[in-house]
Amino acid sequence: MTRECLPNRRPNETQEFDRDGILVKVTVGYKPDGQIGEIFLNADRSDSMLDVLMSDAAIIASIALQYGVSVRQLAHAIKRDRFGIASSPIGAALDRISSPEVL
């Protein structure tokens, strides 16, 4: 399997949402075919441990997307609570972007 390199300039969309009192900013970058090719996550407390962990999780998710893993597969694989709600900010972001009507 090979990694699909994204063009230097690509369409993207940014939105913010609240997760457990933390303002999370998610930016989604698109491949030329319109599929999601990368995500970026940032917490409202720049350079905090949470911000770093969210950013690193988004980088790992982006690499997986570029190797052909779908957003839905990633969203399905993350940890959830007993109600089926994503337990982490990266999980919440994946749930949001895996629904086409959200972005």
Protein backbone atom coordinates (compact mmCIF):
# COMPACT_ATOMS: atom_id res chain seq x y z
CA MET A 1 0.00 0.00 0.00
CA THR A 2 1.30 3.45 -0.84
CA ARG A 3 0.62 6.81 0.72
CA GLU A 4 -1.33 9.30 -1.39
CA CYS A 5 0.51 12.62 -1.31
CA LEU A 6 -1.74 15.65 -1.17
CA PRO A 7 -1.19 18.70 -3.36
CA ASN A 8 0.50 21.67 -1.71
CA ARG A 9 -2.68 23.73 -2.09
CA ARG A 10 -5.99 22.06 -1.38
CA PRO A 11 -9.50 22.99 -0.30
CA ASN A 12 -10.17 22.94 3.43
CA GLU A 13 -12.85 23.79 5.95
CA THR A 14 -12.54 24.81 9.60
CA GLN A 15 -15.08 24.67 12.38
CA GLU A 16 -15.08 24.81 16.15
CA PHE A 17 -16.98 22.75 18.68
CA ASP A 18 -17.11 22.37 22.43
CA ARG A 19 -15.98 19.12 23.99
CA ASP A 20 -16.24 18.89 27.81
CA GLY A 21 -15.71 22.63 28.21
CA ILE A 22 -12.79 22.78 25.79
CA LEU A 23 -13.11 24.69 22.54
CA VAL A 24 -11.76 22.42 19.79
CA LYS A 25 -10.87 23.70 16.32
CA VAL A 26 -10.88 21.13 13.53
CA THR A 27 -9.67 21.81 9.99
CA VAL A 28 -10.34 19.27 7.26
CA GLY A 29 -8.23 19.19 4.09
CA TYR A 30 -9.56 17.54 0.95
CA LYS A 31 -7.95 15.34 -1.68
CA PRO A 32 -8.43 16.32 -5.36
CA ASP A 33 -11.32 13.81 -5.58
CA GLY A 34 -13.17 15.55 -2.71
CA GLN A 35 -12.45 12.88 -0.10
CA ILE A 36 -11.05 13.90 3.28
CA GLY A 37 -7.26 13.64 3.16
CA GLU A 38 -6.16 15.23 6.42
CA ILE A 39 -7.39 16.73 9.66
CA PHE A 40 -5.86 19.19 12.08
CA LEU A 41 -7.03 19.60 15.68
CA ASN A 42 -6.22 22.31 18.19
CA ALA A 43 -7.43 22.99 21.71
CA ASP A 44 -8.20 26.46 22.99
CA ARG A 45 -5.18 26.27 25.31
CA SER A 46 -2.36 26.45 22.79
CA ASP A 47 0.65 24.19 23.50
CA SER A 48 -1.06 22.55 26.48
CA MET A 49 -0.66 18.78 26.84
CA LEU A 50 -4.19 18.31 25.51
CA ASP A 51 -3.45 20.50 22.48
CA VAL A 52 -0.30 18.49 21.73
CA LEU A 53 -2.07 15.13 22.11
CA MET A 54 -4.96 16.24 19.91
CA SER A 55 -2.57 17.51 17.26
CA ASP A 56 -0.57 14.28 17.30
CA ALA A 57 -3.76 12.17 17.08
CA ALA A 58 -4.87 14.22 14.06
CA ILE A 59 -1.50 13.70 12.38
CA ILE A 60 -1.78 9.93 12.87
CA ALA A 61 -5.37 9.99 11.55
CA SER A 62 -4.23 12.05 8.53
CA ILE A 63 -1.50 9.55 7.68
CA ALA A 64 -4.04 6.71 7.94
CA LEU A 65 -6.40 8.62 5.61
CA GLN A 66 -3.59 9.06 3.10
CA TYR A 67 -2.97 5.30 3.19
CA GLY A 68 -6.60 4.62 2.31
CA VAL A 69 -8.29 4.17 5.69
CA SER A 70 -11.70 5.86 5.58
CA VAL A 71 -12.91 8.43 8.10
CA ARG A 72 -15.76 6.06 8.99
CA GLN A 73 -13.28 3.25 9.74
CA LEU A 74 -11.30 5.56 12.03
CA ALA A 75 -14.45 6.81 13.75
CA HIS A 76 -15.64 3.23 14.28
CA ALA A 77 -12.31 2.18 15.81
CA ILE A 78 -11.98 4.83 18.54
CA LYS A 79 -12.90 4.37 22.20
CA ARG A 80 -16.52 5.10 23.15
CA ASP A 81 -18.44 5.32 26.40
CA ARG A 82 -21.32 3.01 27.29
CA PHE A 83 -23.72 5.23 25.33
CA GLY A 84 -21.64 4.99 22.14
CA ILE A 85 -20.34 8.56 22.41
CA ALA A 86 -16.70 9.12 21.40
CA SER A 87 -14.55 9.40 24.55
CA SER A 88 -11.91 11.74 23.16
CA PRO A 89 -11.72 15.00 21.21
CA ILE A 90 -10.23 13.19 18.19
CA GLY A 91 -13.13 10.75 18.33
CA ALA A 92 -15.65 13.59 18.52
CA ALA A 93 -13.97 15.29 15.54
CA LEU A 94 -13.97 12.05 13.51
CA ASP A 95 -17.68 11.58 14.27
CA ARG A 96 -18.39 15.13 13.11
CA ILE A 97 -16.48 14.85 9.85
CA SER A 98 -17.66 11.33 9.03
CA SER A 99 -21.19 12.71 8.58
CA PRO A 100 -21.37 14.49 5.22
CA GLU A 101 -23.99 16.98 6.41
CA VAL A 102 -21.71 18.30 9.19
CA LEU A 103 -19.04 20.03 7.06
